[in-house]
């Protein structure tokens, strides 16, 4: 019984250590820059600047399957699976298009230009420049899944319809946390608004 108590205590300390490390490392991660222009009860309007991403198109719209496969491919690239064996810093959030075939996107750190990025060893990885855009964003906590993402997408559409704000059909899911983070999980569904 004493051994079991010690093992539980050790596992608890490891768990706490991992969560503290995750919180600390989250503060040092470069994020997709935006400015909030208007705040409503359950969503906000933001302006994002033009930003470069690495991306991979996936053949499914199932969140769990797409996120796992896409993350594995793009994480491999930034962890050194490229022509220079160069590590590239992780950024936040990880973005996914909400279409019949999802595309996962990792923001490229600002220090890189498209011309200076290492070339991926995986042919399906594409560099993609996302132009400046205005979006509406709704935030939710906890673990994301297909049902939650769809629910918040519908909530965002209803909120925009209520405010008579037009929107496009370009929806994205944004996930801000590493898979091993348990606390303070943040997710968003955003939609591009039409250009004036």
C-alpha atoms as a PDB file:
ATOM      1  CA  UNK A   1       0.000   0.000   0.000  1.00  0.00           C
ATOM      2  CA  UNK A   2       2.891   2.340   0.823  1.00  0.00           C
ATOM      3  CA  UNK A   3       4.442   1.710  -2.627  1.00  0.00           C
ATOM      4  CA  UNK A   4       1.125   2.543  -4.327  1.00  0.00           C
ATOM      5  CA  UNK A   5       0.912   5.814  -2.355  1.00  0.00           C
ATOM      6  CA  UNK A   6       4.483   6.719  -3.341  1.00  0.00           C
ATOM      7  CA  UNK A   7       3.771   5.910  -7.015  1.00  0.00           C
ATOM      8  CA  UNK A   8       0.609   8.043  -6.982  1.00  0.00           C
ATOM      9  CA  UNK A   9       2.579  10.878  -5.346  1.00  0.00           C
ATOM     10  CA  UNK A  10       5.365  10.653  -7.980  1.00  0.00           C
ATOM     11  CA  UNK A  11       2.851  10.572 -10.856  1.00  0.00           C
ATOM     12  CA  UNK A  12       1.034  13.577  -9.376  1.00  0.00           C
ATOM     13  CA  UNK A  13       4.306  15.531  -9.141  1.00  0.00           C
ATOM     14  CA  UNK A  14       5.166  14.658 -12.752  1.00  0.00           C
ATOM     15  CA  UNK A  15       1.692  15.742 -13.879  1.00  0.00           C
ATOM     16  CA  UNK A  16       1.979  19.067 -12.004  1.00  0.00           C
ATOM     17  CA  UNK A  17       5.481  19.594 -13.426  1.00  0.00           C
ATOM     18  CA  UNK A  18       4.269  19.026 -17.011  1.00  0.00           C
ATOM     19  CA  UNK A  19       1.339  21.432 -16.541  1.00  0.00           C
ATOM     20  CA  UNK A  20       3.592  24.154 -15.048  1.00  0.00           C
ATOM     21  CA  UNK A  21       6.043  23.678 -17.929  1.00  0.00           C
ATOM     22  CA  UNK A  22       3.140  23.995 -20.399  1.00  0.00           C
ATOM     23  CA  UNK A  23       1.931  27.231 -18.782  1.00  0.00           C
ATOM     24  CA  UNK A  24       5.443  28.710 -18.829  1.00  0.00           C
ATOM     25  CA  UNK A  25       6.202  27.678 -22.416  1.00  0.00           C
ATOM     26  CA  UNK A  26       2.824  29.085 -23.604  1.00  0.00           C
ATOM     27  CA  UNK A  27       3.997  32.578 -22.559  1.00  0.00           C
ATOM     28  CA  UNK A  28       7.043  32.405 -24.857  1.00  0.00           C
ATOM     29  CA  UNK A  29       5.197  31.235 -27.987  1.00  0.00           C
ATOM     30  CA  UNK A  30       4.771  33.661 -30.874  1.00  0.00           C
ATOM     31  CA  UNK A  31       1.094  34.149 -31.717  1.00  0.00           C
ATOM     32  CA  UNK A  32      -0.948  35.140 -34.773  1.00  0.00           C
ATOM     33  CA  UNK A  33      -1.181  38.952 -34.340  1.00  0.00           C
ATOM     34  CA  UNK A  34      -4.541  40.716 -34.391  1.00  0.00           C
ATOM     35  CA  UNK A  35      -6.351  43.782 -33.085  1.00  0.00           C
ATOM     36  CA  UNK A  36      -9.824  43.637 -31.554  1.00  0.00           C
ATOM     37  CA  UNK A  37     -12.038  46.323 -33.132  1.00  0.00           C
ATOM     38  CA  UNK A  38     -15.383  45.589 -31.441  1.00  0.00           C
ATOM     39  CA  UNK A  39     -16.566  43.344 -28.591  1.00  0.00           C
ATOM     40  CA  UNK A  40     -20.097  41.883 -28.391  1.00  0.00           C
ATOM     41  CA  UNK A  41     -21.638  39.712 -25.661  1.00  0.00           C
ATOM     42  CA  UNK A  42     -20.308  36.371 -26.928  1.00  0.00           C
ATOM     43  CA  UNK A  43     -18.009  37.207 -29.854  1.00  0.00           C
ATOM     44  CA  UNK A  44     -15.625  39.881 -31.094  1.00  0.00           C
ATOM     45  CA  UNK A  45     -14.489  41.429 -34.368  1.00  0.00           C
ATOM     46  CA  UNK A  46     -10.749  41.317 -35.106  1.00  0.00           C
ATOM     47  CA  UNK A  47      -8.323  42.470 -37.768  1.00  0.00           C
ATOM     48  CA  UNK A  48      -5.514  40.031 -38.578  1.00  0.00           C
ATOM     49  CA  UNK A  49      -2.433  41.139 -40.463  1.00  0.00           C
ATOM     50  CA  UNK A  50      -1.055  39.323 -43.493  1.00  0.00           C
ATOM     51  CA  UNK A  51       0.833  36.250 -42.235  1.00  0.00           C
ATOM     52  CA  UNK A  52       2.792  33.329 -43.680  1.00  0.00           C
ATOM     53  CA  UNK A  53       1.806  29.755 -42.773  1.00  0.00           C
ATOM     54  CA  UNK A  54       2.962  26.222 -43.464  1.00  0.00           C
ATOM     55  CA  UNK A  55      -0.055  24.127 -44.402  1.00  0.00           C
ATOM     56  CA  UNK A  56      -1.154  20.622 -45.278  1.00  0.00           C
ATOM     57  CA  UNK A  57      -4.459  19.700 -46.949  1.00  0.00           C
ATOM     58  CA  UNK A  58      -6.151  16.635 -45.480  1.00  0.00           C
ATOM     59  CA  UNK A  59      -8.665  14.331 -47.112  1.00  0.00           C
ATOM     60  CA  UNK A  60     -11.182  14.249 -44.258  1.00  0.00           C
ATOM     61  CA  UNK A  61     -13.363  16.682 -42.316  1.00  0.00           C
ATOM     62  CA  UNK A  62     -13.249  14.604 -39.109  1.00  0.00           C
ATOM     63  CA  UNK A  63     -11.541  16.828 -36.518  1.00  0.00           C
ATOM     64  CA  UNK A  64      -9.804  14.130 -34.487  1.00  0.00           C
ATOM     65  CA  UNK A  65      -8.392  12.311 -37.508  1.00  0.00           C
ATOM     66  CA  UNK A  66      -7.439  15.499 -39.369  1.00  0.00           C
ATOM     67  CA  UNK A  67      -5.858  17.208 -36.379  1.00  0.00           C
ATOM     68  CA  UNK A  68      -3.762  14.174 -35.483  1.00  0.00           C
ATOM     69  CA  UNK A  69      -2.511  13.567 -39.039  1.00  0.00           C
ATOM     70  CA  UNK A  70      -2.007  17.250 -39.884  1.00  0.00           C
ATOM     71  CA  UNK A  71      -0.202  17.980 -36.618  1.00  0.00           C
ATOM     72  CA  UNK A  72       2.120  15.018 -37.142  1.00  0.00           C
ATOM     73  CA  UNK A  73       3.112  16.180 -40.657  1.00  0.00           C
ATOM     74  CA  UNK A  74       3.596  19.870 -39.800  1.00  0.00           C
ATOM     75  CA  UNK A  75       5.280  19.189 -36.446  1.00  0.00           C
ATOM     76  CA  UNK A  76       7.718  16.866 -38.239  1.00  0.00           C
ATOM     77  CA  UNK A  77       8.649  19.738 -40.551  1.00  0.00           C
ATOM     78  CA  UNK A  78       9.261  22.279 -37.769  1.00  0.00           C
ATOM     79  CA  UNK A  79      11.140  19.716 -35.657  1.00  0.00           C
ATOM     80  CA  UNK A  80      13.724  19.315 -38.439  1.00  0.00           C
ATOM     81  CA  UNK A  81      12.213  17.156 -41.213  1.00  0.00           C
ATOM     82  CA  UNK A  82      13.368  19.642 -43.867  1.00  0.00           C
ATOM     83  CA  UNK A  83      16.272  20.132 -46.265  1.00  0.00           C
ATOM     84  CA  UNK A  84      18.351  21.987 -43.644  1.00  0.00           C
ATOM     85  CA  UNK A  85      17.464  19.740 -40.677  1.00  0.00           C
ATOM     86  CA  UNK A  86      16.551  23.046 -39.034  1.00  0.00           C
ATOM     87  CA  UNK A  87      14.214  23.358 -36.069  1.00  0.00           C
ATOM     88  CA  UNK A  88      11.581  26.093 -36.322  1.00  0.00           C
ATOM     89  CA  UNK A  89       9.835  27.441 -33.222  1.00  0.00           C
ATOM     90  CA  UNK A  90       6.269  26.353 -32.533  1.00  0.00           C
ATOM     91  CA  UNK A  91       3.660  29.116 -32.814  1.00  0.00           C
ATOM     92  CA  UNK A  92       0.076  29.492 -31.673  1.00  0.00           C
ATOM     93  CA  UNK A  93      -2.704  28.923 -32.492  1.00  0.00           C
ATOM     94  CA  UNK A  94      -2.851  25.901 -34.770  1.00  0.00           C
ATOM     95  CA  UNK A  95      -5.502  26.702 -37.384  1.00  0.00           C
ATOM     96  CA  UNK A  96      -7.768  24.372 -39.361  1.00  0.00           C
ATOM     97  CA  UNK A  97     -10.137  25.300 -42.154  1.00  0.00           C
ATOM     98  CA  UNK A  98     -13.660  23.998 -41.567  1.00  0.00           C
ATOM     99  CA  UNK A  99     -14.334  22.569 -45.024  1.00  0.00           C
ATOM    100  CA  UNK A 100     -15.122  19.141 -46.493  1.00  0.00           C
ATOM    101  CA  UNK A 101     -11.384  18.506 -46.649  1.00  0.00           C
ATOM    102  CA  UNK A 102      -9.645  20.374 -43.852  1.00  0.00           C
ATOM    103  CA  UNK A 103      -6.346  22.213 -44.153  1.00  0.00           C
ATOM    104  CA  UNK A 104      -4.139  22.545 -41.078  1.00  0.00           C
ATOM    105  CA  UNK A 105      -1.944  25.636 -40.777  1.00  0.00           C
ATOM    106  CA  UNK A 106       1.034  26.516 -38.547  1.00  0.00           C
ATOM    107  CA  UNK A 107       2.025  30.179 -38.481  1.00  0.00           C
ATOM    108  CA  UNK A 108       5.623  30.772 -39.582  1.00  0.00           C
ATOM    109  CA  UNK A 109       7.657  32.805 -37.041  1.00  0.00           C
ATOM    110  CA  UNK A 110       8.094  36.429 -38.164  1.00  0.00           C
ATOM    111  CA  UNK A 111      11.887  36.105 -38.490  1.00  0.00           C
ATOM    112  CA  UNK A 112      11.395  33.960 -41.625  1.00  0.00           C
ATOM    113  CA  UNK A 113      10.516  35.054 -45.146  1.00  0.00           C
ATOM    114  CA  UNK A 114       9.066  32.545 -47.601  1.00  0.00           C
ATOM    115  CA  UNK A 115      12.432  32.543 -49.433  1.00  0.00           C
ATOM    116  CA  UNK A 116      14.457  31.793 -46.275  1.00  0.00           C
ATOM    117  CA  UNK A 117      12.321  28.930 -44.964  1.00  0.00           C
ATOM    118  CA  UNK A 118      13.821  25.442 -45.114  1.00  0.00           C
ATOM    119  CA  UNK A 119      12.175  23.323 -47.799  1.00  0.00           C
ATOM    120  CA  UNK A 120       9.964  20.528 -46.411  1.00  0.00           C
ATOM    121  CA  UNK A 121      10.857  16.889 -47.066  1.00  0.00           C
ATOM    122  CA  UNK A 122       7.132  16.105 -47.200  1.00  0.00           C
ATOM    123  CA  UNK A 123       5.713  17.069 -50.617  1.00  0.00           C
ATOM    124  CA  UNK A 124       2.219  17.765 -49.235  1.00  0.00           C
ATOM    125  CA  UNK A 125       3.443  20.715 -47.109  1.00  0.00           C
ATOM    126  CA  UNK A 126       2.732  24.050 -48.808  1.00  0.00           C
ATOM    127  CA  UNK A 127       3.716  27.591 -47.775  1.00  0.00           C
ATOM    128  CA  UNK A 128       0.642  29.797 -47.786  1.00  0.00           C
ATOM    129  CA  UNK A 129       0.387  33.541 -47.310  1.00  0.00           C
ATOM    130  CA  UNK A 130      -2.871  34.419 -45.582  1.00  0.00           C
ATOM    131  CA  UNK A 131      -3.822  37.997 -46.527  1.00  0.00           C
ATOM    132  CA  UNK A 132      -4.919  40.581 -43.979  1.00  0.00           C
ATOM    133  CA  UNK A 133      -8.507  39.900 -42.967  1.00  0.00           C
ATOM    134  CA  UNK A 134     -11.332  40.931 -40.681  1.00  0.00           C
ATOM    135  CA  UNK A 135     -12.988  38.106 -38.753  1.00  0.00           C
ATOM    136  CA  UNK A 136     -15.597  37.426 -36.111  1.00  0.00           C
ATOM    137  CA  UNK A 137     -14.363  35.118 -33.333  1.00  0.00           C
ATOM    138  CA  UNK A 138     -16.109  33.075 -30.652  1.00  0.00           C
ATOM    139  CA  UNK A 139     -14.108  31.426 -27.846  1.00  0.00           C
ATOM    140  CA  UNK A 140     -14.689  28.198 -25.914  1.00  0.00           C
ATOM    141  CA  UNK A 141     -12.725  26.263 -23.311  1.00  0.00           C
ATOM    142  CA  UNK A 142     -11.870  22.613 -22.727  1.00  0.00           C
ATOM    143  CA  UNK A 143     -11.167  19.886 -25.264  1.00  0.00           C
ATOM    144  CA  UNK A 144     -12.356  20.408 -28.829  1.00  0.00           C
ATOM    145  CA  UNK A 145     -14.239  17.807 -30.862  1.00  0.00           C
ATOM    146  CA  UNK A 146     -16.431  17.837 -33.972  1.00  0.00           C
ATOM    147  CA  UNK A 147     -19.646  18.428 -32.005  1.00  0.00           C
ATOM    148  CA  UNK A 148     -18.258  21.350 -29.995  1.00  0.00           C
ATOM    149  CA  UNK A 149     -16.707  22.985 -33.040  1.00  0.00           C
ATOM    150  CA  UNK A 150     -19.983  22.698 -34.965  1.00  0.00           C
ATOM    151  CA  UNK A 151     -21.989  24.006 -32.005  1.00  0.00           C
ATOM    152  CA  UNK A 152     -19.815  27.117 -31.648  1.00  0.00           C
ATOM    153  CA  UNK A 153     -19.815  27.634 -35.414  1.00  0.00           C
ATOM    154  CA  UNK A 154     -23.631  27.695 -35.318  1.00  0.00           C
ATOM    155  CA  UNK A 155     -23.580  29.967 -32.229  1.00  0.00           C
ATOM    156  CA  UNK A 156     -21.298  32.388 -34.094  1.00  0.00           C
ATOM    157  CA  UNK A 157     -23.540  32.371 -37.180  1.00  0.00           C
ATOM    158  CA  UNK A 158     -26.626  33.048 -35.038  1.00  0.00           C
ATOM    159  CA  UNK A 159     -24.877  35.891 -33.172  1.00  0.00           C
ATOM    160  CA  UNK A 160     -23.778  37.485 -36.455  1.00  0.00           C
ATOM    161  CA  UNK A 161     -27.253  37.081 -37.961  1.00  0.00           C
ATOM    162  CA  UNK A 162     -28.761  38.690 -34.840  1.00  0.00           C
ATOM    163  CA  UNK A 163     -26.405  41.675 -35.210  1.00  0.00           C
ATOM    164  CA  UNK A 164     -27.037  41.735 -39.014  1.00  0.00           C
ATOM    165  CA  UNK A 165     -23.309  41.366 -39.688  1.00  0.00           C
ATOM    166  CA  UNK A 166     -22.613  39.674 -43.055  1.00  0.00           C
ATOM    167  CA  UNK A 167     -20.023  36.885 -43.156  1.00  0.00           C
ATOM    168  CA  UNK A 168     -18.412  34.573 -45.689  1.00  0.00           C
ATOM    169  CA  UNK A 169     -18.341  30.747 -45.670  1.00  0.00           C
ATOM    170  CA  UNK A 170     -14.631  30.714 -44.688  1.00  0.00           C
ATOM    171  CA  UNK A 171     -14.686  29.305 -41.149  1.00  0.00           C
ATOM    172  CA  UNK A 172     -11.619  28.206 -39.181  1.00  0.00           C
ATOM    173  CA  UNK A 173     -10.973  26.396 -35.920  1.00  0.00           C
ATOM    174  CA  UNK A 174      -8.107  27.773 -33.793  1.00  0.00           C
ATOM    175  CA  UNK A 175      -6.534  25.641 -31.047  1.00  0.00           C
ATOM    176  CA  UNK A 176      -4.146  27.320 -28.624  1.00  0.00           C
ATOM    177  CA  UNK A 177      -2.827  24.488 -26.449  1.00  0.00           C
ATOM    178  CA  UNK A 178      -0.427  21.583 -26.758  1.00  0.00           C
ATOM    179  CA  UNK A 179      -2.132  18.150 -26.584  1.00  0.00           C
ATOM    180  CA  UNK A 180      -0.688  17.470 -23.091  1.00  0.00           C
ATOM    181  CA  UNK A 181      -2.062  20.687 -21.547  1.00  0.00           C
ATOM    182  CA  UNK A 182      -5.050  20.064 -19.294  1.00  0.00           C
ATOM    183  CA  UNK A 183      -5.761  23.469 -17.723  1.00  0.00           C
ATOM    184  CA  UNK A 184      -6.693  26.793 -19.342  1.00  0.00           C
ATOM    185  CA  UNK A 185      -7.487  25.208 -22.690  1.00  0.00           C
ATOM    186  CA  UNK A 186      -8.619  27.814 -25.221  1.00  0.00           C
ATOM    187  CA  UNK A 187     -10.252  27.236 -28.604  1.00  0.00           C
ATOM    188  CA  UNK A 188     -11.949  29.508 -31.104  1.00  0.00           C
ATOM    189  CA  UNK A 189     -14.107  29.380 -34.197  1.00  0.00           C
ATOM    190  CA  UNK A 190     -13.566  32.335 -36.499  1.00  0.00           C
ATOM    191  CA  UNK A 191     -15.162  33.365 -39.787  1.00  0.00           C
ATOM    192  CA  UNK A 192     -13.881  35.856 -42.352  1.00  0.00           C
ATOM    193  CA  UNK A 193     -16.077  38.897 -42.907  1.00  0.00           C
ATOM    194  CA  UNK A 194     -16.529  40.311 -46.419  1.00  0.00           C
ATOM    195  CA  UNK A 195     -14.059  42.966 -47.526  1.00  0.00           C
ATOM    196  CA  UNK A 196     -15.645  46.403 -47.864  1.00  0.00           C
END
